[in-house]
Amino acid sequence: GRTNMWDAWLGFNISHGLGALFFGLICIGAGVFADTLALPKATLLIPVLVGVIYFVLAIRFWFRIPAVGIASATGLLFMGWVLY
């Protein structure tokens, strides 16, 4: 019944993977329903800021390929925010 390192590692990766997945789904939903939701422009800057946080984490702790993907996704979120 005790937690071991493997279970803690799996729990950490699964929980953070689900967090990234739900963040992506929220971004997609905001993009699809942006006209019907009438969100203020400042609210749509939140996903950009979250993307910047993920990018900083990727640069510090992860490999190059996730950092490149996160940087491009954050750049696209920012361009979408500018064009909104």
PDB file of N, CA and C in Angstrom:
ATOM      1  N   GLY A   1       0.788  -1.206   0.000  1.00  0.00           N
ATOM      2  CA  GLY A   1       0.000   0.000   0.000  1.00  0.00           C
ATOM      3  C   GLY A   1       0.824   1.262   0.000  1.00  0.00           C
ATOM      4  N   ARG A   2       2.138   1.150  -0.081  1.00  0.00           N
ATOM      5  CA  ARG A   2       2.983   2.348  -0.056  1.00  0.00           C
ATOM      6  C   ARG A   2       3.276   2.819  -1.478  1.00  0.00           C
ATOM      7  N   THR A   3       3.470   4.092  -1.623  1.00  0.00           N
ATOM      8  CA  THR A   3       3.805   4.667  -2.927  1.00  0.00           C
ATOM      9  C   THR A   3       5.279   4.425  -3.210  1.00  0.00           C
ATOM     10  N   ASN A   4       5.559   3.975  -4.425  1.00  0.00           N
ATOM     11  CA  ASN A   4       6.957   3.824  -4.817  1.00  0.00           C
ATOM     12  C   ASN A   4       7.285   4.864  -5.887  1.00  0.00           C
ATOM     13  N   MET A   5       8.541   4.915  -6.284  1.00  0.00           N
ATOM     14  CA  MET A   5       8.992   5.940  -7.224  1.00  0.00           C
ATOM     15  C   MET A   5       8.328   5.782  -8.596  1.00  0.00           C
ATOM     16  N   TRP A   6       8.136   4.545  -9.035  1.00  0.00           N
ATOM     17  CA  TRP A   6       7.518   4.308 -10.339  1.00  0.00           C
ATOM     18  C   TRP A   6       6.080   4.817 -10.371  1.00  0.00           C
ATOM     19  N   ASP A   7       5.298   4.527  -9.335  1.00  0.00           N
ATOM     20  CA  ASP A   7       3.912   5.002  -9.283  1.00  0.00           C
ATOM     21  C   ASP A   7       3.849   6.523  -9.224  1.00  0.00           C
ATOM     22  N   ALA A   8       4.754   7.133  -8.474  1.00  0.00           N
ATOM     23  CA  ALA A   8       4.785   8.596  -8.401  1.00  0.00           C
ATOM     24  C   ALA A   8       5.143   9.190  -9.757  1.00  0.00           C
ATOM     25  N   TRP A   9       6.085   8.573 -10.445  1.00  0.00           N
ATOM     26  CA  TRP A   9       6.494   9.038 -11.770  1.00  0.00           C
ATOM     27  C   TRP A   9       5.349   8.924 -12.768  1.00  0.00           C
ATOM     28  N   LEU A  10       4.665   7.793 -12.766  1.00  0.00           N
ATOM     29  CA  LEU A  10       3.522   7.620 -13.663  1.00  0.00           C
ATOM     30  C   LEU A  10       2.421   8.626 -13.353  1.00  0.00           C
ATOM     31  N   GLY A  11       2.110   8.800 -12.084  1.00  0.00           N
ATOM     32  CA  GLY A  11       1.070   9.753 -11.697  1.00  0.00           C
ATOM     33  C   GLY A  11       1.407  11.166 -12.123  1.00  0.00           C
ATOM     34  N   PHE A  12       2.662  11.549 -11.961  1.00  0.00           N
ATOM     35  CA  PHE A  12       3.094  12.887 -12.363  1.00  0.00           C
ATOM     36  C   PHE A  12       2.928  13.072 -13.869  1.00  0.00           C
ATOM     37  N   ASN A  13       3.419  12.101 -14.646  1.00  0.00           N
ATOM     38  CA  ASN A  13       3.352  12.232 -16.106  1.00  0.00           C
ATOM     39  C   ASN A  13       1.921  12.179 -16.622  1.00  0.00           C
ATOM     40  N   ILE A  14       1.104  11.299 -16.069  1.00  0.00           N
ATOM     41  CA  ILE A  14      -0.283  11.208 -16.523  1.00  0.00           C
ATOM     42  C   ILE A  14      -1.056  12.481 -16.172  1.00  0.00           C
ATOM     43  N   SER A  15      -0.881  12.983 -14.962  1.00  0.00           N
ATOM     44  CA  SER A  15      -1.620  14.190 -14.570  1.00  0.00           C
ATOM     45  C   SER A  15      -1.196  15.402 -15.391  1.00  0.00           C
ATOM     46  N   HIS A  16       0.092  15.542 -15.655  1.00  0.00           N
ATOM     47  CA  HIS A  16       0.541  16.687 -16.433  1.00  0.00           C
ATOM     48  C   HIS A  16       0.187  16.525 -17.914  1.00  0.00           C
ATOM     49  N   GLY A  17       0.191  15.295 -18.404  1.00  0.00           N
ATOM     50  CA  GLY A  17      -0.253  15.059 -19.775  1.00  0.00           C
ATOM     51  C   GLY A  17      -1.719  15.397 -19.957  1.00  0.00           C
ATOM     52  N   LEU A  18      -2.540  15.018 -18.987  1.00  0.00           N
ATOM     53  CA  LEU A  18      -3.964  15.366 -19.048  1.00  0.00           C
ATOM     54  C   LEU A  18      -4.163  16.871 -18.951  1.00  0.00           C
ATOM     55  N   GLY A  19      -3.350  17.533 -18.132  1.00  0.00           N
ATOM     56  CA  GLY A  19      -3.437  18.996 -18.044  1.00  0.00           C
ATOM     57  C   GLY A  19      -3.133  19.658 -19.379  1.00  0.00           C
ATOM     58  N   ALA A  20      -2.105  19.172 -20.071  1.00  0.00           N
ATOM     59  CA  ALA A  20      -1.767  19.727 -21.388  1.00  0.00           C
ATOM     60  C   ALA A  20      -2.868  19.419 -22.404  1.00  0.00           C
ATOM     61  N   LEU A  21      -3.439  18.223 -22.324  1.00  0.00           N
ATOM     62  CA  LEU A  21      -4.522  17.844 -23.233  1.00  0.00           C
ATOM     63  C   LEU A  21      -5.746  18.733 -23.032  1.00  0.00           C
ATOM     64  N   PHE A  22      -6.155  18.944 -21.792  1.00  0.00           N
ATOM     65  CA  PHE A  22      -7.316  19.785 -21.526  1.00  0.00           C
ATOM     66  C   PHE A  22      -7.045  21.247 -21.866  1.00  0.00           C
ATOM     67  N   PHE A  23      -5.814  21.691 -21.668  1.00  0.00           N
ATOM     68  CA  PHE A  23      -5.453  23.049 -22.081  1.00  0.00           C
ATOM     69  C   PHE A  23      -5.629  23.203 -23.590  1.00  0.00           C
ATOM     70  N   GLY A  24      -5.173  22.211 -24.353  1.00  0.00           N
ATOM     71  CA  GLY A  24      -5.347  22.252 -25.801  1.00  0.00           C
ATOM     72  C   GLY A  24      -6.803  22.224 -26.212  1.00  0.00           C
ATOM     73  N   LEU A  25      -7.597  21.406 -25.539  1.00  0.00           N
ATOM     74  CA  LEU A  25      -9.024  21.349 -25.857  1.00  0.00           C
ATOM     75  C   LEU A  25      -9.724  22.672 -25.553  1.00  0.00           C
ATOM     76  N   ILE A  26      -9.339  23.315 -24.466  1.00  0.00           N
ATOM     77  CA  ILE A  26      -9.920  24.618 -24.134  1.00  0.00           C
ATOM     78  C   ILE A  26      -9.542  25.653 -25.190  1.00  0.00           C
ATOM     79  N   CYS A  27      -8.286  25.616 -25.647  1.00  0.00           N
ATOM     80  CA  CYS A  27      -7.856  26.552 -26.695  1.00  0.00           C
ATOM     81  C   CYS A  27      -8.621  26.305 -27.995  1.00  0.00           C
ATOM     82  N   ILE A  28      -8.786  25.046 -28.364  1.00  0.00           N
ATOM     83  CA  ILE A  28      -9.539  24.729 -29.576  1.00  0.00           C
ATOM     84  C   ILE A  28     -10.992  25.165 -29.427  1.00  0.00           C
ATOM     85  N   GLY A  29     -11.586  24.880 -28.277  1.00  0.00           N
ATOM     86  CA  GLY A  29     -12.974  25.290 -28.043  1.00  0.00           C
ATOM     87  C   GLY A  29     -13.143  26.798 -28.084  1.00  0.00           C
ATOM     88  N   ALA A  30     -12.187  27.526 -27.510  1.00  0.00           N
ATOM     89  CA  ALA A  30     -12.268  28.988 -27.554  1.00  0.00           C
ATOM     90  C   ALA A  30     -12.144  29.492 -28.982  1.00  0.00           C
ATOM     91  N   GLY A  31     -11.328  28.829 -29.790  1.00  0.00           N
ATOM     92  CA  GLY A  31     -11.193  29.240 -31.182  1.00  0.00           C
ATOM     93  C   GLY A  31     -12.423  28.936 -32.008  1.00  0.00           C
ATOM     94  N   VAL A  32     -13.012  27.782 -31.771  1.00  0.00           N
ATOM     95  CA  VAL A  32     -14.185  27.382 -32.547  1.00  0.00           C
ATOM     96  C   VAL A  32     -15.400  28.227 -32.177  1.00  0.00           C
ATOM     97  N   PHE A  33     -15.571  28.486 -30.901  1.00  0.00           N
ATOM     98  CA  PHE A  33     -16.758  29.198 -30.433  1.00  0.00           C
ATOM     99  C   PHE A  33     -16.476  30.652 -30.065  1.00  0.00           C
ATOM    100  N   ALA A  34     -15.419  31.240 -30.608  1.00  0.00           N
ATOM    101  CA  ALA A  34     -15.041  32.610 -30.251  1.00  0.00           C
ATOM    102  C   ALA A  34     -16.127  33.607 -30.617  1.00  0.00           C
ATOM    103  N   ASP A  35     -16.783  33.407 -31.743  1.00  0.00           N
ATOM    104  CA  ASP A  35     -17.813  34.361 -32.162  1.00  0.00           C
ATOM    105  C   ASP A  35     -19.053  34.277 -31.278  1.00  0.00           C
ATOM    106  N   THR A  36     -19.435  33.076 -30.881  1.00  0.00           N
ATOM    107  CA  THR A  36     -20.637  32.917 -30.072  1.00  0.00           C
ATOM    108  C   THR A  36     -20.399  33.239 -28.603  1.00  0.00           C
ATOM    109  N   LEU A  37     -19.166  33.086 -28.128  1.00  0.00           N
ATOM    110  CA  LEU A  37     -18.880  33.360 -26.714  1.00  0.00           C
ATOM    111  C   LEU A  37     -18.662  34.840 -26.441  1.00  0.00           C
ATOM    112  N   ALA A  38     -18.203  35.577 -27.433  1.00  0.00           N
ATOM    113  CA  ALA A  38     -17.903  37.002 -27.298  1.00  0.00           C
ATOM    114  C   ALA A  38     -16.970  37.257 -26.116  1.00  0.00           C
ATOM    115  N   LEU A  39     -15.836  36.549 -26.120  1.00  0.00           N
ATOM    116  CA  LEU A  39     -14.855  36.705 -25.045  1.00  0.00           C
ATOM    117  C   LEU A  39     -14.091  38.011 -25.214  1.00  0.00           C
ATOM    118  N   PRO A  40     -13.798  38.690 -24.112  1.00  0.00           N
ATOM    119  CA  PRO A  40     -12.971  39.891 -24.220  1.00  0.00           C
ATOM    120  C   PRO A  40     -11.557  39.522 -24.678  1.00  0.00           C
ATOM    121  N   LYS A  41     -10.920  40.445 -25.384  1.00  0.00           N
ATOM    122  CA  LYS A  41      -9.593  40.166 -25.932  1.00  0.00           C
ATOM    123  C   LYS A  41      -8.580  39.874 -24.836  1.00  0.00           C
ATOM    124  N   ALA A  42      -8.682  40.529 -23.705  1.00  0.00           N
ATOM    125  CA  ALA A  42      -7.737  40.292 -22.608  1.00  0.00           C
ATOM    126  C   ALA A  42      -7.852  38.865 -22.077  1.00  0.00           C
ATOM    127  N   THR A  43      -9.048  38.301 -22.095  1.00  0.00           N
ATOM    128  CA  THR A  43      -9.244  36.924 -21.630  1.00  0.00           C
ATOM    129  C   THR A  43      -8.528  35.945 -22.539  1.00  0.00           C
ATOM    130  N   LEU A  44      -8.486  36.231 -23.819  1.00  0.00           N
ATOM    131  CA  LEU A  44      -7.833  35.336 -24.772  1.00  0.00           C
ATOM    132  C   LEU A  44      -6.313  35.401 -24.691  1.00  0.00           C
ATOM    133  N   LEU A  45      -5.779  36.309 -23.903  1.00  0.00           N
ATOM    134  CA  LEU A  45      -4.336  36.360 -23.682  1.00  0.00           C
ATOM    135  C   LEU A  45      -3.885  35.302 -22.669  1.00  0.00           C
ATOM    136  N   ILE A  46      -4.814  34.765 -21.886  1.00  0.00           N
ATOM    137  CA  ILE A  46      -4.475  33.755 -20.877  1.00  0.00           C
ATOM    138  C   ILE A  46      -3.842  32.514 -21.500  1.00  0.00           C
ATOM    139  N   PRO A  47      -4.397  31.946 -22.592  1.00  0.00           N
ATOM    140  CA  PRO A  47      -3.718  30.791 -23.200  1.00  0.00           C
ATOM    141  C   PRO A  47      -2.310  31.109 -23.710  1.00  0.00           C
ATOM    142  N   VAL A  48      -2.091  32.331 -24.146  1.00  0.00           N
ATOM    143  CA  VAL A  48      -0.745  32.728 -24.583  1.00  0.00           C
ATOM    144  C   VAL A  48       0.206  32.706 -23.391  1.00  0.00           C
ATOM    145  N   LEU A  49      -0.245  33.229 -22.265  1.00  0.00           N
ATOM    146  CA  LEU A  49       0.606  33.247 -21.072  1.00  0.00           C
ATOM    147  C   LEU A  49       0.876  31.835 -20.565  1.00  0.00           C
ATOM    148  N   VAL A  50      -0.114  30.961 -20.616  1.00  0.00           N
ATOM    149  CA  VAL A  50       0.095  29.565 -20.230  1.00  0.00           C
ATOM    150  C   VAL A  50       1.089  28.910 -21.183  1.00  0.00           C
ATOM    151  N   GLY A  51       0.992  29.213 -22.455  1.00  0.00           N
ATOM    152  CA  GLY A  51       1.940  28.690 -23.432  1.00  0.00           C
ATOM    153  C   GLY A  51       3.364  29.148 -23.160  1.00  0.00           C
ATOM    154  N   VAL A  52       3.515  30.396 -22.745  1.00  0.00           N
ATOM    155  CA  VAL A  52       4.841  30.907 -22.393  1.00  0.00           C
ATOM    156  C   VAL A  52       5.388  30.155 -21.181  1.00  0.00           C
ATOM    157  N   ILE A  53       4.540  29.877 -20.208  1.00  0.00           N
ATOM    158  CA  ILE A  53       4.974  29.118 -19.031  1.00  0.00           C
ATOM    159  C   ILE A  53       5.410  27.710 -19.430  1.00  0.00           C
ATOM    160  N   TYR A  54       4.614  27.048 -20.278  1.00  0.00           N
ATOM    161  CA  TYR A  54       5.001  25.725 -20.776  1.00  0.00           C
ATOM    162  C   TYR A  54       6.320  25.798 -21.550  1.00  0.00           C
ATOM    163  N   PHE A  55       6.522  26.859 -22.313  1.00  0.00           N
ATOM    164  CA  PHE A  55       7.756  27.009 -23.076  1.00  0.00           C
ATOM    165  C   PHE A  55       8.968  27.161 -22.156  1.00  0.00           C
ATOM    166  N   VAL A  56       8.820  27.963 -21.127  1.00  0.00           N
ATOM    167  CA  VAL A  56       9.924  28.127 -20.167  1.00  0.00           C
ATOM    168  C   VAL A  56      10.238  26.787 -19.496  1.00  0.00           C
ATOM    169  N   LEU A  57       9.209  26.052 -19.121  1.00  0.00           N
ATOM    170  CA  LEU A  57       9.430  24.727 -18.541  1.00  0.00           C
ATOM    171  C   LEU A  57      10.109  23.793 -19.538  1.00  0.00           C
ATOM    172  N   ALA A  58       9.714  23.859 -20.807  1.00  0.00           N
ATOM    173  CA  ALA A  58      10.307  22.998 -21.823  1.00  0.00           C
ATOM    174  C   ALA A  58      11.784  23.322 -22.033  1.00  0.00           C
ATOM    175  N   ILE A  59      12.118  24.597 -22.059  1.00  0.00           N
ATOM    176  CA  ILE A  59      13.520  25.003 -22.223  1.00  0.00           C
ATOM    177  C   ILE A  59      14.351  24.518 -21.036  1.00  0.00           C
ATOM    178  N   ARG A  60      13.789  24.615 -19.851  1.00  0.00           N
ATOM    179  CA  ARG A  60      14.551  24.285 -18.644  1.00  0.00           C
ATOM    180  C   ARG A  60      14.640  22.784 -18.385  1.00  0.00           C
ATOM    181  N   PHE A  61      13.548  22.041 -18.607  1.00  0.00           N
ATOM    182  CA  PHE A  61      13.505  20.670 -18.128  1.00  0.00           C
ATOM    183  C   PHE A  61      13.327  19.606 -19.206  1.00  0.00           C
ATOM    184  N   TRP A  62      12.866  19.963 -20.408  1.00  0.00           N
ATOM    185  CA  TRP A  62      12.518  18.944 -21.377  1.00  0.00           C
ATOM    186  C   TRP A  62      13.501  18.926 -22.528  1.00  0.00           C
ATOM    187  N   PHE A  63      13.154  18.213 -23.581  1.00  0.00           N
ATOM    188  CA  PHE A  63      14.015  18.095 -24.746  1.00  0.00           C
ATOM    189  C   PHE A  63      13.690  19.166 -25.769  1.00  0.00           C
ATOM    190  N   ARG A  64      14.461  19.197 -26.834  1.00  0.00           N
ATOM    191  CA  ARG A  64      14.325  20.246 -27.842  1.00  0.00           C
ATOM    192  C   ARG A  64      13.017  20.150 -28.631  1.00  0.00           C
ATOM    193  N   ILE A  65      12.603  18.955 -29.005  1.00  0.00           N
ATOM    194  CA  ILE A  65      11.402  18.805 -29.845  1.00  0.00           C
ATOM    195  C   ILE A  65      10.144  19.312 -29.132  1.00  0.00           C
ATOM    196  N   PRO A  66       9.911  18.970 -27.848  1.00  0.00           N
ATOM    197  CA  PRO A  66       8.747  19.578 -27.178  1.00  0.00           C
ATOM    198  C   PRO A  66       8.851  21.097 -27.087  1.00  0.00           C
ATOM    199  N   ALA A  67      10.056  21.616 -26.896  1.00  0.00           N
ATOM    200  CA  ALA A  67      10.220  23.075 -26.807  1.00  0.00           C
ATOM    201  C   ALA A  67       9.876  23.738 -28.137  1.00  0.00           C
ATOM    202  N   VAL A  68      10.274  23.125 -29.247  1.00  0.00           N
ATOM    203  CA  VAL A  68       9.953  23.693 -30.562  1.00  0.00           C
ATOM    204  C   VAL A  68       8.445  23.650 -30.804  1.00  0.00           C
ATOM    205  N   GLY A  69       7.806  22.545 -30.465  1.00  0.00           N
ATOM    206  CA  GLY A  69       6.357  22.438 -30.633  1.00  0.00           C
ATOM    207  C   GLY A  69       5.602  23.433 -29.779  1.00  0.00           C
ATOM    208  N   ILE A  70       6.032  23.589 -28.541  1.00  0.00           N
ATOM    209  CA  ILE A  70       5.372  24.534 -27.642  1.00  0.00           C
ATOM    210  C   ILE A  70       5.601  25.965 -28.112  1.00  0.00           C
ATOM    211  N   ALA A  71       6.803  26.256 -28.596  1.00  0.00           N
ATOM    212  CA  ALA A  71       7.083  27.608 -29.094  1.00  0.00           C
ATOM    213  C   ALA A  71       6.224  27.938 -30.303  1.00  0.00           C
ATOM    214  N   SER A  72       6.082  26.989 -31.223  1.00  0.00           N
ATOM    215  CA  SER A  72       5.252  27.270 -32.400  1.00  0.00           C
ATOM    216  C   SER A  72       3.777  27.394 -32.021  1.00  0.00           C
ATOM    217  N   ALA A  73       3.300  26.546 -31.113  1.00  0.00           N
ATOM    218  CA  ALA A  73       1.907  26.648 -30.677  1.00  0.00           C
ATOM    219  C   ALA A  73       1.652  27.971 -29.957  1.00  0.00           C
ATOM    220  N   THR A  74       2.594  28.390 -29.119  1.00  0.00           N
ATOM    221  CA  THR A  74       2.437  29.663 -28.414  1.00  0.00           C
ATOM    222  C   THR A  74       2.469  30.832 -29.393  1.00  0.00           C
ATOM    223  N   GLY A  75       3.323  30.740 -30.395  1.00  0.00           N
ATOM    224  CA  GLY A  75       3.360  31.780 -31.421  1.00  0.00           C
ATOM    225  C   GLY A  75       2.047  31.872 -32.184  1.00  0.00           C
ATOM    226  N   LEU A  76       1.460  30.721 -32.494  1.00  0.00           N
ATOM    227  CA  LEU A  76       0.166  30.726 -33.185  1.00  0.00           C
ATOM    228  C   LEU A  76      -0.943  31.271 -32.291  1.00  0.00           C
ATOM    229  N   LEU A  77      -0.904  30.922 -31.006  1.00  0.00           N
ATOM    230  CA  LEU A  77      -1.885  31.491 -30.077  1.00  0.00           C
ATOM    231  C   LEU A  77      -1.751  33.014 -30.013  1.00  0.00           C
ATOM    232  N   PHE A  78      -0.505  33.482 -29.991  1.00  0.00           N
ATOM    233  CA  PHE A  78      -0.283  34.929 -29.948  1.00  0.00           C
ATOM    234  C   PHE A  78      -0.770  35.607 -31.225  1.00  0.00           C
ATOM    235  N   MET A  79      -0.493  34.992 -32.381  1.00  0.00           N
ATOM    236  CA  MET A  79      -0.973  35.567 -33.638  1.00  0.00           C
ATOM    237  C   MET A  79      -2.503  35.577 -33.687  1.00  0.00           C
ATOM    238  N   GLY A  80      -3.130  34.517 -33.171  1.00  0.00           N
ATOM    239  CA  GLY A  80      -4.579  34.514 -33.102  1.00  0.00           C
ATOM    240  C   GLY A  80      -5.129  35.602 -32.195  1.00  0.00           C
ATOM    241  N   TRP A  81      -4.415  35.859 -31.103  1.00  0.00           N
ATOM    242  CA  TRP A  81      -4.841  36.911 -30.184  1.00  0.00           C
ATOM    243  C   TRP A  81      -4.705  38.287 -30.850  1.00  0.00           C
ATOM    244  N   VAL A  82      -3.613  38.497 -31.575  1.00  0.00           N
ATOM    245  CA  VAL A  82      -3.411  39.787 -32.254  1.00  0.00           C
ATOM    246  C   VAL A  82      -4.493  40.016 -33.307  1.00  0.00           C
ATOM    247  N   LEU A  83      -4.844  38.957 -34.042  1.00  0.00           N
ATOM    248  CA  LEU A  83      -5.808  39.091 -35.131  1.00  0.00           C
ATOM    249  C   LEU A  83      -7.258  39.102 -34.665  1.00  0.00           C
ATOM    250  N   TYR A  84      -7.530  38.792 -33.398  1.00  0.00           N
ATOM    251  CA  TYR A  84      -8.905  38.679 -32.903  1.00  0.00           C
ATOM    252  C   TYR A  84      -9.570  40.032 -32.864  1.00  0.00           C
TER     253      TYR A  84
END
